[in-house]
C-alpha atoms as a PDB file:
ATOM      1  CA  UNK A   1     -12.318 -15.520   0.606  1.00  0.00           C
ATOM      2  CA  UNK A   2      -8.533 -16.002   1.238  1.00  0.00           C
ATOM      3  CA  UNK A   3      -6.397 -14.966  -1.595  1.00  0.00           C
ATOM      4  CA  UNK A   4      -2.776 -15.289  -0.194  1.00  0.00           C
ATOM      5  CA  UNK A   5      -1.605 -12.527  -2.580  1.00  0.00           C
ATOM      6  CA  UNK A   6       1.779 -12.149  -0.802  1.00  0.00           C
ATOM      7  CA  UNK A   7       2.557 -15.704  -1.466  1.00  0.00           C
ATOM      8  CA  UNK A   8       6.086 -16.049  -3.375  1.00  0.00           C
ATOM      9  CA  UNK A   9       6.027 -12.126  -3.526  1.00  0.00           C
ATOM     10  CA  UNK A  10       9.362 -11.639  -2.185  1.00  0.00           C
ATOM     11  CA  UNK A  11      10.952 -14.334  -4.564  1.00  0.00           C
ATOM     12  CA  UNK A  12       9.224 -13.163  -7.683  1.00  0.00           C
ATOM     13  CA  UNK A  13       8.356  -9.537  -7.342  1.00  0.00           C
ATOM     14  CA  UNK A  14       4.858 -10.485  -8.521  1.00  0.00           C
ATOM     15  CA  UNK A  15       1.405 -11.503  -7.582  1.00  0.00           C
ATOM     16  CA  UNK A  16       1.294 -15.282  -8.473  1.00  0.00           C
ATOM     17  CA  UNK A  17      -1.044 -16.761 -11.025  1.00  0.00           C
ATOM     18  CA  UNK A  18      -2.527 -18.951  -8.239  1.00  0.00           C
ATOM     19  CA  UNK A  19      -3.347 -15.733  -6.035  1.00  0.00           C
ATOM     20  CA  UNK A  20      -4.858 -13.972  -9.459  1.00  0.00           C
ATOM     21  CA  UNK A  21      -7.117 -16.952 -10.138  1.00  0.00           C
ATOM     22  CA  UNK A  22      -8.317 -17.037  -6.315  1.00  0.00           C
ATOM     23  CA  UNK A  23      -9.077 -13.341  -6.630  1.00  0.00           C
ATOM     24  CA  UNK A  24     -11.113 -13.930 -10.122  1.00  0.00           C
ATOM     25  CA  UNK A  25     -13.087 -16.737  -8.608  1.00  0.00           C
ATOM     26  CA  UNK A  26     -13.853 -14.753  -5.405  1.00  0.00           C
ATOM     27  CA  UNK A  27     -15.046 -11.865  -7.630  1.00  0.00           C
ATOM     28  CA  UNK A  28     -17.109 -14.310  -9.710  1.00  0.00           C
ATOM     29  CA  UNK A  29     -18.902 -15.236  -6.629  1.00  0.00           C
ATOM     30  CA  UNK A  30     -19.488 -11.888  -5.361  1.00  0.00           C
ATOM     31  CA  UNK A  31     -20.915 -10.739  -8.707  1.00  0.00           C
ATOM     32  CA  UNK A  32     -23.640 -13.117  -8.611  1.00  0.00           C
ATOM     33  CA  UNK A  33     -25.065 -10.955  -5.600  1.00  0.00           C
ATOM     34  CA  UNK A  34     -23.577  -7.453  -6.236  1.00  0.00           C
ATOM     35  CA  UNK A  35     -22.815  -4.865  -9.109  1.00  0.00           C
ATOM     36  CA  UNK A  36     -19.047  -4.864  -8.854  1.00  0.00           C
ATOM     37  CA  UNK A  37     -18.908  -1.526 -11.013  1.00  0.00           C
ATOM     38  CA  UNK A  38     -20.428   0.231  -7.810  1.00  0.00           C
ATOM     39  CA  UNK A  39     -18.016  -1.390  -5.353  1.00  0.00           C
ATOM     40  CA  UNK A  40     -15.285   0.425  -3.199  1.00  0.00           C
ATOM     41  CA  UNK A  41     -12.274  -1.741  -3.895  1.00  0.00           C
ATOM     42  CA  UNK A  42      -9.009  -1.278  -2.402  1.00  0.00           C
ATOM     43  CA  UNK A  43      -5.712  -3.087  -2.449  1.00  0.00           C
ATOM     44  CA  UNK A  44      -3.101  -3.069   0.370  1.00  0.00           C
ATOM     45  CA  UNK A  45       0.647  -4.156   1.031  1.00  0.00           C
ATOM     46  CA  UNK A  46       1.229  -6.986  -1.589  1.00  0.00           C
ATOM     47  CA  UNK A  47      -0.201  -4.901  -4.445  1.00  0.00           C
ATOM     48  CA  UNK A  48       1.904  -1.913  -3.346  1.00  0.00           C
ATOM     49  CA  UNK A  49       5.074  -4.228  -3.803  1.00  0.00           C
ATOM     50  CA  UNK A  50       4.181  -6.188  -6.777  1.00  0.00           C
ATOM     51  CA  UNK A  51       5.163  -5.182 -10.283  1.00  0.00           C
ATOM     52  CA  UNK A  52       2.314  -6.747 -12.209  1.00  0.00           C
ATOM     53  CA  UNK A  53      -0.432  -4.815 -10.028  1.00  0.00           C
ATOM     54  CA  UNK A  54      -1.563  -2.587 -12.787  1.00  0.00           C
ATOM     55  CA  UNK A  55      -1.689  -5.482 -15.213  1.00  0.00           C
ATOM     56  CA  UNK A  56      -3.930  -7.398 -12.910  1.00  0.00           C
ATOM     57  CA  UNK A  57      -6.215  -4.410 -12.306  1.00  0.00           C
ATOM     58  CA  UNK A  58      -6.543  -3.570 -15.863  1.00  0.00           C
ATOM     59  CA  UNK A  59      -7.752  -7.296 -16.493  1.00  0.00           C
ATOM     60  CA  UNK A  60     -10.178  -7.241 -13.544  1.00  0.00           C
ATOM     61  CA  UNK A  61     -11.749  -3.932 -14.649  1.00  0.00           C
ATOM     62  CA  UNK A  62     -12.297  -5.242 -18.050  1.00  0.00           C
ATOM     63  CA  UNK A  63     -13.677  -8.563 -16.804  1.00  0.00           C
ATOM     64  CA  UNK A  64     -15.699  -7.460 -13.819  1.00  0.00           C
ATOM     65  CA  UNK A  65     -16.130  -3.724 -14.179  1.00  0.00           C
ATOM     66  CA  UNK A  66     -14.414  -3.284 -10.843  1.00  0.00           C
ATOM     67  CA  UNK A  67     -12.053  -0.310 -10.063  1.00  0.00           C
ATOM     68  CA  UNK A  68      -9.429  -1.296  -7.624  1.00  0.00           C
ATOM     69  CA  UNK A  69      -7.203   1.355  -6.119  1.00  0.00           C
ATOM     70  CA  UNK A  70      -3.894   0.827  -4.186  1.00  0.00           C
ATOM     71  CA  UNK A  71      -3.907   2.641  -1.004  1.00  0.00           C
ATOM     72  CA  UNK A  72      -0.867   3.609   0.932  1.00  0.00           C
ATOM     73  CA  UNK A  73       0.205   2.184   4.166  1.00  0.00           C
ATOM     74  CA  UNK A  74      -0.844   5.092   6.457  1.00  0.00           C
ATOM     75  CA  UNK A  75      -4.516   5.085   4.839  1.00  0.00           C
ATOM     76  CA  UNK A  76      -4.704   1.471   5.273  1.00  0.00           C
ATOM     77  CA  UNK A  77      -3.852   1.731   9.156  1.00  0.00           C
ATOM     78  CA  UNK A  78      -6.502   4.658   9.353  1.00  0.00           C
ATOM     79  CA  UNK A  79      -9.182   2.756   7.773  1.00  0.00           C
ATOM     80  CA  UNK A  80      -8.399  -0.482   9.557  1.00  0.00           C
ATOM     81  CA  UNK A  81      -8.751   1.427  12.815  1.00  0.00           C
ATOM     82  CA  UNK A  82     -12.078   2.789  11.855  1.00  0.00           C
ATOM     83  CA  UNK A  83     -13.204  -0.684  11.404  1.00  0.00           C
ATOM     84  CA  UNK A  84     -12.035  -1.825  14.749  1.00  0.00           C
ATOM     85  CA  UNK A  85     -13.276   1.126  16.551  1.00  0.00           C
ATOM     86  CA  UNK A  86     -16.948   0.384  15.060  1.00  0.00           C
ATOM     87  CA  UNK A  87     -16.448  -3.321  16.368  1.00  0.00           C
ATOM     88  CA  UNK A  88     -15.493  -2.020  20.080  1.00  0.00           C
ATOM     89  CA  UNK A  89     -18.499   0.414  19.922  1.00  0.00           C
ATOM     90  CA  UNK A  90     -20.844  -2.359  18.930  1.00  0.00           C
ATOM     91  CA  UNK A  91     -19.593  -4.089  22.102  1.00  0.00           C
ATOM     92  CA  UNK A  92     -20.069  -0.921  24.240  1.00  0.00           C
ATOM     93  CA  UNK A  93     -16.351  -0.832  24.831  1.00  0.00           C
ATOM     94  CA  UNK A  94     -14.896   2.758  25.005  1.00  0.00           C
ATOM     95  CA  UNK A  95     -11.324   2.194  25.627  1.00  0.00           C
ATOM     96  CA  UNK A  96      -8.101   4.099  24.979  1.00  0.00           C
ATOM     97  CA  UNK A  97      -6.524   1.498  22.581  1.00  0.00           C
ATOM     98  CA  UNK A  98      -3.526   0.656  20.437  1.00  0.00           C
ATOM     99  CA  UNK A  99      -4.575  -1.330  17.138  1.00  0.00           C
ATOM    100  CA  UNK A 100      -2.611  -4.081  15.617  1.00  0.00           C
ATOM    101  CA  UNK A 101      -3.513  -5.318  11.941  1.00  0.00           C
ATOM    102  CA  UNK A 102      -1.245  -8.222  11.133  1.00  0.00           C
ATOM    103  CA  UNK A 103      -1.660  -9.015   7.356  1.00  0.00           C
ATOM    104  CA  UNK A 104       0.004 -11.091   4.889  1.00  0.00           C
ATOM    105  CA  UNK A 105       2.763  -8.629   3.731  1.00  0.00           C
ATOM    106  CA  UNK A 106       2.725  -5.914   6.337  1.00  0.00           C
ATOM    107  CA  UNK A 107       1.692  -5.090  10.075  1.00  0.00           C
ATOM    108  CA  UNK A 108      -0.025  -1.833  10.877  1.00  0.00           C
ATOM    109  CA  UNK A 109       0.269  -0.570  14.483  1.00  0.00           C
ATOM    110  CA  UNK A 110      -1.799   2.483  15.333  1.00  0.00           C
ATOM    111  CA  UNK A 111      -2.710   4.626  18.532  1.00  0.00           C
ATOM    112  CA  UNK A 112      -4.371   7.949  18.984  1.00  0.00           C
ATOM    113  CA  UNK A 113      -3.049  10.010  16.028  1.00  0.00           C
ATOM    114  CA  UNK A 114      -0.067   7.767  15.080  1.00  0.00           C
ATOM    115  CA  UNK A 115      -0.224   5.439  12.256  1.00  0.00           C
ATOM    116  CA  UNK A 116       2.548   3.207  11.360  1.00  0.00           C
ATOM    117  CA  UNK A 117       3.193   0.218   8.917  1.00  0.00           C
ATOM    118  CA  UNK A 118       5.952  -2.283   9.304  1.00  0.00           C
ATOM    119  CA  UNK A 119       7.347  -4.487   6.357  1.00  0.00           C
ATOM    120  CA  UNK A 120       6.540  -7.829   7.743  1.00  0.00           C
ATOM    121  CA  UNK A 121       3.411 -10.131   7.382  1.00  0.00           C
ATOM    122  CA  UNK A 122       2.604 -13.601   8.063  1.00  0.00           C
ATOM    123  CA  UNK A 123       3.111 -14.806   4.637  1.00  0.00           C
ATOM    124  CA  UNK A 124       6.239 -12.824   3.823  1.00  0.00           C
ATOM    125  CA  UNK A 125       7.671 -13.799   7.183  1.00  0.00           C
ATOM    126  CA  UNK A 126       7.014 -17.661   6.907  1.00  0.00           C
ATOM    127  CA  UNK A 127       8.533 -17.464   3.377  1.00  0.00           C
ATOM    128  CA  UNK A 128      11.719 -15.803   4.553  1.00  0.00           C
ATOM    129  CA  UNK A 129      12.101 -18.404   7.195  1.00  0.00           C
ATOM    130  CA  UNK A 130      11.691 -21.324   4.663  1.00  0.00           C
ATOM    131  CA  UNK A 131      14.847 -20.304   2.999  1.00  0.00           C
ATOM    132  CA  UNK A 132      16.936 -19.760   6.136  1.00  0.00           C
ATOM    133  CA  UNK A 133      19.437 -22.428   7.228  1.00  0.00           C
ATOM    134  CA  UNK A 134      17.887 -24.423  10.067  1.00  0.00           C
ATOM    135  CA  UNK A 135      20.359 -25.197  13.030  1.00  0.00           C
ATOM    136  CA  UNK A 136      20.038 -28.113  15.153  1.00  0.00           C
ATOM    137  CA  UNK A 137      19.092 -27.640  18.737  1.00  0.00           C
ATOM    138  CA  UNK A 138      19.229 -29.393  22.116  1.00  0.00           C
ATOM    139  CA  UNK A 139      15.856 -31.041  23.071  1.00  0.00           C
ATOM    140  CA  UNK A 140      14.408 -30.854  26.577  1.00  0.00           C
ATOM    141  CA  UNK A 141      11.804 -33.398  26.001  1.00  0.00           C
ATOM    142  CA  UNK A 142      13.059 -35.648  28.909  1.00  0.00           C
ATOM    143  CA  UNK A 143      12.906 -32.704  31.374  1.00  0.00           C
ATOM    144  CA  UNK A 144       9.501 -31.615  30.169  1.00  0.00           C
ATOM    145  CA  UNK A 145       7.968 -35.166  30.545  1.00  0.00           C
ATOM    146  CA  UNK A 146       8.815 -34.964  34.311  1.00  0.00           C
ATOM    147  CA  UNK A 147       7.807 -31.432  34.718  1.00  0.00           C
ATOM    148  CA  UNK A 148       5.693 -30.276  31.810  1.00  0.00           C
ATOM    149  CA  UNK A 149       4.480 -26.899  33.043  1.00  0.00           C
ATOM    150  CA  UNK A 150       7.512 -25.490  34.428  1.00  0.00           C
ATOM    151  CA  UNK A 151       8.672 -23.454  31.325  1.00  0.00           C
ATOM    152  CA  UNK A 152       5.354 -21.430  31.324  1.00  0.00           C
ATOM    153  CA  UNK A 153       6.474 -19.856  34.489  1.00  0.00           C
ATOM    154  CA  UNK A 154       9.518 -18.202  32.838  1.00  0.00           C
ATOM    155  CA  UNK A 155       9.289 -14.527  32.174  1.00  0.00           C
ATOM    156  CA  UNK A 156      11.821 -14.613  29.413  1.00  0.00           C
ATOM    157  CA  UNK A 157      10.078 -15.674  26.293  1.00  0.00           C
ATOM    158  CA  UNK A 158      13.138 -16.892  24.550  1.00  0.00           C
ATOM    159  CA  UNK A 159      13.902 -19.253  27.339  1.00  0.00           C
ATOM    160  CA  UNK A 160      10.273 -20.499  26.982  1.00  0.00           C
ATOM    161  CA  UNK A 161      10.927 -21.301  23.353  1.00  0.00           C
ATOM    162  CA  UNK A 162      14.052 -22.987  24.143  1.00  0.00           C
ATOM    163  CA  UNK A 163      12.421 -25.317  26.616  1.00  0.00           C
ATOM    164  CA  UNK A 164       9.006 -25.847  24.843  1.00  0.00           C
ATOM    165  CA  UNK A 165       9.925 -26.281  21.080  1.00  0.00           C
ATOM    166  CA  UNK A 166      11.562 -29.261  19.847  1.00  0.00           C
ATOM    167  CA  UNK A 167      10.961 -29.039  16.075  1.00  0.00           C
ATOM    168  CA  UNK A 168      14.026 -27.198  14.706  1.00  0.00           C
ATOM    169  CA  UNK A 169      12.269 -25.302  11.942  1.00  0.00           C
ATOM    170  CA  UNK A 170       9.527 -24.081  14.340  1.00  0.00           C
ATOM    171  CA  UNK A 171      12.236 -23.042  16.769  1.00  0.00           C
ATOM    172  CA  UNK A 172      14.252 -21.077  14.218  1.00  0.00           C
ATOM    173  CA  UNK A 173      11.014 -19.448  13.101  1.00  0.00           C
ATOM    174  CA  UNK A 174      10.073 -18.426  16.726  1.00  0.00           C
ATOM    175  CA  UNK A 175      13.344 -16.721  17.388  1.00  0.00           C
ATOM    176  CA  UNK A 176      13.288 -15.065  14.036  1.00  0.00           C
ATOM    177  CA  UNK A 177      10.180 -13.375  14.841  1.00  0.00           C
ATOM    178  CA  UNK A 178      11.872 -11.342  17.529  1.00  0.00           C
ATOM    179  CA  UNK A 179      14.091  -9.754  14.953  1.00  0.00           C
ATOM    180  CA  UNK A 180      11.255  -9.247  12.432  1.00  0.00           C
ATOM    181  CA  UNK A 181       8.803  -7.393  14.900  1.00  0.00           C
ATOM    182  CA  UNK A 182      11.464  -5.375  16.627  1.00  0.00           C
ATOM    183  CA  UNK A 183      10.560  -1.952  15.248  1.00  0.00           C
ATOM    184  CA  UNK A 184       6.931  -2.534  16.053  1.00  0.00           C
ATOM    185  CA  UNK A 185       7.796  -3.589  19.581  1.00  0.00           C
ATOM    186  CA  UNK A 186       9.743  -0.472  20.048  1.00  0.00           C
ATOM    187  CA  UNK A 187       6.608   1.697  18.792  1.00  0.00           C
ATOM    188  CA  UNK A 188       4.392  -0.300  21.183  1.00  0.00           C
ATOM    189  CA  UNK A 189       6.719   0.566  24.252  1.00  0.00           C
ATOM    190  CA  UNK A 190       6.718   4.127  23.194  1.00  0.00           C
ATOM    191  CA  UNK A 191       2.952   4.202  22.906  1.00  0.00           C
ATOM    192  CA  UNK A 192       2.448   3.000  26.509  1.00  0.00           C
ATOM    193  CA  UNK A 193      -0.741   1.526  25.441  1.00  0.00           C
ATOM    194  CA  UNK A 194      -2.256  -1.021  27.884  1.00  0.00           C
ATOM    195  CA  UNK A 195      -5.296  -2.209  25.785  1.00  0.00           C
ATOM    196  CA  UNK A 196      -4.499  -3.588  22.328  1.00  0.00           C
ATOM    197  CA  UNK A 197      -7.156  -4.588  19.651  1.00  0.00           C
ATOM    198  CA  UNK A 198      -6.095  -7.283  17.337  1.00  0.00           C
ATOM    199  CA  UNK A 199      -7.544  -7.799  13.834  1.00  0.00           C
ATOM    200  CA  UNK A 200      -7.082 -10.005  10.915  1.00  0.00           C
ATOM    201  CA  UNK A 201      -6.842 -13.615  10.432  1.00  0.00           C
ATOM    202  CA  UNK A 202      -4.330 -14.716  12.960  1.00  0.00           C
ATOM    203  CA  UNK A 203      -6.203 -13.409  16.315  1.00  0.00           C
ATOM    204  CA  UNK A 204      -9.641 -14.264  15.001  1.00  0.00           C
ATOM    205  CA  UNK A 205      -8.654 -17.678  13.926  1.00  0.00           C
ATOM    206  CA  UNK A 206      -7.016 -18.326  17.331  1.00  0.00           C
ATOM    207  CA  UNK A 207      -9.976 -16.941  19.208  1.00  0.00           C
ATOM    208  CA  UNK A 208     -12.194 -19.121  17.475  1.00  0.00           C
ATOM    209  CA  UNK A 209     -10.046 -22.223  17.784  1.00  0.00           C
ATOM    210  CA  UNK A 210      -9.867 -21.260  21.666  1.00  0.00           C
ATOM    211  CA  UNK A 211     -13.631 -21.373  21.749  1.00  0.00           C
ATOM    212  CA  UNK A 212     -13.898 -24.508  19.754  1.00  0.00           C
ATOM    213  CA  UNK A 213     -15.338 -22.962  16.732  1.00  0.00           C
ATOM    214  CA  UNK A 214     -14.268 -24.763  13.385  1.00  0.00           C
ATOM    215  CA  UNK A 215     -13.659 -22.860  10.224  1.00  0.00           C
ATOM    216  CA  UNK A 216     -17.010 -23.549   8.746  1.00  0.00           C
ATOM    217  CA  UNK A 217     -18.734 -22.468  12.053  1.00  0.00           C
ATOM    218  CA  UNK A 218     -16.865 -19.194  12.428  1.00  0.00           C
ATOM    219  CA  UNK A 219     -19.023 -16.240  13.442  1.00  0.00           C
ATOM    220  CA  UNK A 220     -17.575 -12.894  14.067  1.00  0.00           C
ATOM    221  CA  UNK A 221     -20.165 -12.054  16.784  1.00  0.00           C
ATOM    222  CA  UNK A 222     -18.902 -15.068  18.804  1.00  0.00           C
ATOM    223  CA  UNK A 223     -15.335 -14.080  18.871  1.00  0.00           C
ATOM    224  CA  UNK A 224     -15.698 -10.175  18.894  1.00  0.00           C
ATOM    225  CA  UNK A 225     -14.245  -8.990  22.319  1.00  0.00           C
ATOM    226  CA  UNK A 226     -12.389 -12.252  22.994  1.00  0.00           C
ATOM    227  CA  UNK A 227      -9.437 -11.976  25.180  1.00  0.00           C
ATOM    228  CA  UNK A 228      -5.939 -13.421  24.332  1.00  0.00           C
ATOM    229  CA  UNK A 229      -2.824 -13.533  26.344  1.00  0.00           C
ATOM    230  CA  UNK A 230       0.742 -14.057  25.032  1.00  0.00           C
ATOM    231  CA  UNK A 231       0.985 -17.728  26.210  1.00  0.00           C
ATOM    232  CA  UNK A 232      -2.090 -18.528  23.819  1.00  0.00           C
ATOM    233  CA  UNK A 233       0.172 -17.642  20.744  1.00  0.00           C
ATOM    234  CA  UNK A 234       2.785 -19.962  22.021  1.00  0.00           C
ATOM    235  CA  UNK A 235       0.348 -22.746  22.770  1.00  0.00           C
ATOM    236  CA  UNK A 236      -1.718 -22.609  19.835  1.00  0.00           C
ATOM    237  CA  UNK A 237       1.218 -21.959  17.507  1.00  0.00           C
ATOM    238  CA  UNK A 238       2.617 -25.367  18.516  1.00  0.00           C
ATOM    239  CA  UNK A 239      -0.754 -27.020  18.452  1.00  0.00           C
ATOM    240  CA  UNK A 240      -1.582 -25.941  14.859  1.00  0.00           C
ATOM    241  CA  UNK A 241       2.092 -26.691  13.772  1.00  0.00           C
ATOM    242  CA  UNK A 242       1.864 -30.598  14.663  1.00  0.00           C
ATOM    243  CA  UNK A 243      -1.909 -30.839  13.398  1.00  0.00           C
ATOM    244  CA  UNK A 244      -2.143 -33.025  10.087  1.00  0.00           C
ATOM    245  CA  UNK A 245      -3.386 -31.015   7.172  1.00  0.00           C
ATOM    246  CA  UNK A 246      -6.917 -32.687   7.359  1.00  0.00           C
ATOM    247  CA  UNK A 247      -7.447 -31.546  11.036  1.00  0.00           C
ATOM    248  CA  UNK A 248      -5.999 -28.281  10.461  1.00  0.00           C
ATOM    249  CA  UNK A 249      -8.391 -27.602   7.351  1.00  0.00           C
ATOM    250  CA  UNK A 250     -11.269 -28.420   9.519  1.00  0.00           C
ATOM    251  CA  UNK A 251     -10.145 -25.919  12.418  1.00  0.00           C
ATOM    252  CA  UNK A 252      -8.583 -23.044  10.487  1.00  0.00           C
ATOM    253  CA  UNK A 253      -9.332 -23.576   6.677  1.00  0.00           C
ATOM    254  CA  UNK A 254      -7.338 -24.925   3.771  1.00  0.00           C
ATOM    255  CA  UNK A 255      -3.640 -24.075   3.309  1.00  0.00           C
ATOM    256  CA  UNK A 256      -3.833 -21.583   6.288  1.00  0.00           C
ATOM    257  CA  UNK A 257      -1.922 -23.698   9.037  1.00  0.00           C
ATOM    258  CA  UNK A 258       1.729 -22.657   8.432  1.00  0.00           C
ATOM    259  CA  UNK A 259       0.960 -18.970   7.894  1.00  0.00           C
ATOM    260  CA  UNK A 260      -1.346 -18.926  10.934  1.00  0.00           C
ATOM    261  CA  UNK A 261       1.698 -20.445  12.911  1.00  0.00           C
ATOM    262  CA  UNK A 262       4.090 -17.618  11.804  1.00  0.00           C
ATOM    263  CA  UNK A 263       1.558 -15.069  12.884  1.00  0.00           C
ATOM    264  CA  UNK A 264       1.322 -16.672  16.264  1.00  0.00           C
ATOM    265  CA  UNK A 265       5.089 -16.440  16.746  1.00  0.00           C
ATOM    266  CA  UNK A 266       5.201 -12.879  15.571  1.00  0.00           C
ATOM    267  CA  UNK A 267       2.286 -11.788  18.036  1.00  0.00           C
ATOM    268  CA  UNK A 268       4.153 -13.966  20.694  1.00  0.00           C
ATOM    269  CA  UNK A 269       7.406 -11.909  20.157  1.00  0.00           C
ATOM    270  CA  UNK A 270       5.488  -8.529  20.143  1.00  0.00           C
ATOM    271  CA  UNK A 271       3.267  -8.336  23.145  1.00  0.00           C
ATOM    272  CA  UNK A 272       4.034  -8.616  26.978  1.00  0.00           C
ATOM    273  CA  UNK A 273       1.491  -7.868  29.559  1.00  0.00           C
ATOM    274  CA  UNK A 274      -1.113  -6.047  27.479  1.00  0.00           C
ATOM    275  CA  UNK A 275      -4.694  -6.682  27.621  1.00  0.00           C
ATOM    276  CA  UNK A 276      -5.433  -8.169  24.113  1.00  0.00           C
ATOM    277  CA  UNK A 277      -8.876  -7.730  22.579  1.00  0.00           C
ATOM    278  CA  UNK A 278      -9.998  -9.561  19.291  1.00  0.00           C
ATOM    279  CA  UNK A 279     -12.229  -7.657  16.890  1.00  0.00           C
ATOM    280  CA  UNK A 280     -13.323  -9.176  13.590  1.00  0.00           C
ATOM    281  CA  UNK A 281     -14.105  -5.752  11.999  1.00  0.00           C
ATOM    282  CA  UNK A 282     -11.099  -4.110  10.073  1.00  0.00           C
ATOM    283  CA  UNK A 283     -10.435  -2.733   6.802  1.00  0.00           C
ATOM    284  CA  UNK A 284     -13.508  -3.777   5.066  1.00  0.00           C
ATOM    285  CA  UNK A 285     -15.761  -2.426   7.631  1.00  0.00           C
ATOM    286  CA  UNK A 286     -13.853   0.798   7.892  1.00  0.00           C
ATOM    287  CA  UNK A 287     -13.867   1.319   4.178  1.00  0.00           C
ATOM    288  CA  UNK A 288     -17.753   0.854   4.015  1.00  0.00           C
END
């Protein structure tokens, strides 16, 4: 179930009615199979920030007998790492890794006994970009028609963006990602981690797309252990952006396209030569 609890959060300071209704609908479905009064239910960044969190949880407690608890950023990071480590063990991988969990309103980066949370996520970042002034930029289309592959040889990622992206909004968002993720990038450099486990919707959707798995046919076991590189984020970020909504819904699910694109460019801005491993297990599995 995809709730999108961070949508419009920066603007209103509240979890939206749309997200609350999606959450209620999801709980109604889950309640058909499970006793929600026995569930371990936690909430993360969006609910840490929202002013109406207590009101929502009181209502859900009355309706479903479920007791949600907001966990702090460090606990969230620790639990997510437990889930990702479990995924690695299931694959027989015993590596010294960093762990990156890019969510809707925050991003956690952890390594060894260090757990950090950064104040950006794919939904909050995309919505900030929507209200920014978009500058016109020069297009290199004619050059690329003659030499379509040469920008991928550039080591400078911003130069790649200049040459490869023609849509003004997309180019602005791609450049904004570097400023947004700067703190995490510094933490990554200090960690000296060469292997990074990626968790959450962006890397899993991207790995599935790369393997030709559409949204309905997604299976965690088919993407666990998949490898990505930074050019995948650039390539598939653009590919998704130019997909029509019907096709994008088929491949990555309804109303996810723009947020996944934002996530692609955040991850493109962060990583360099690290070995990137996709693991589906995360907060949910770590909690259980």
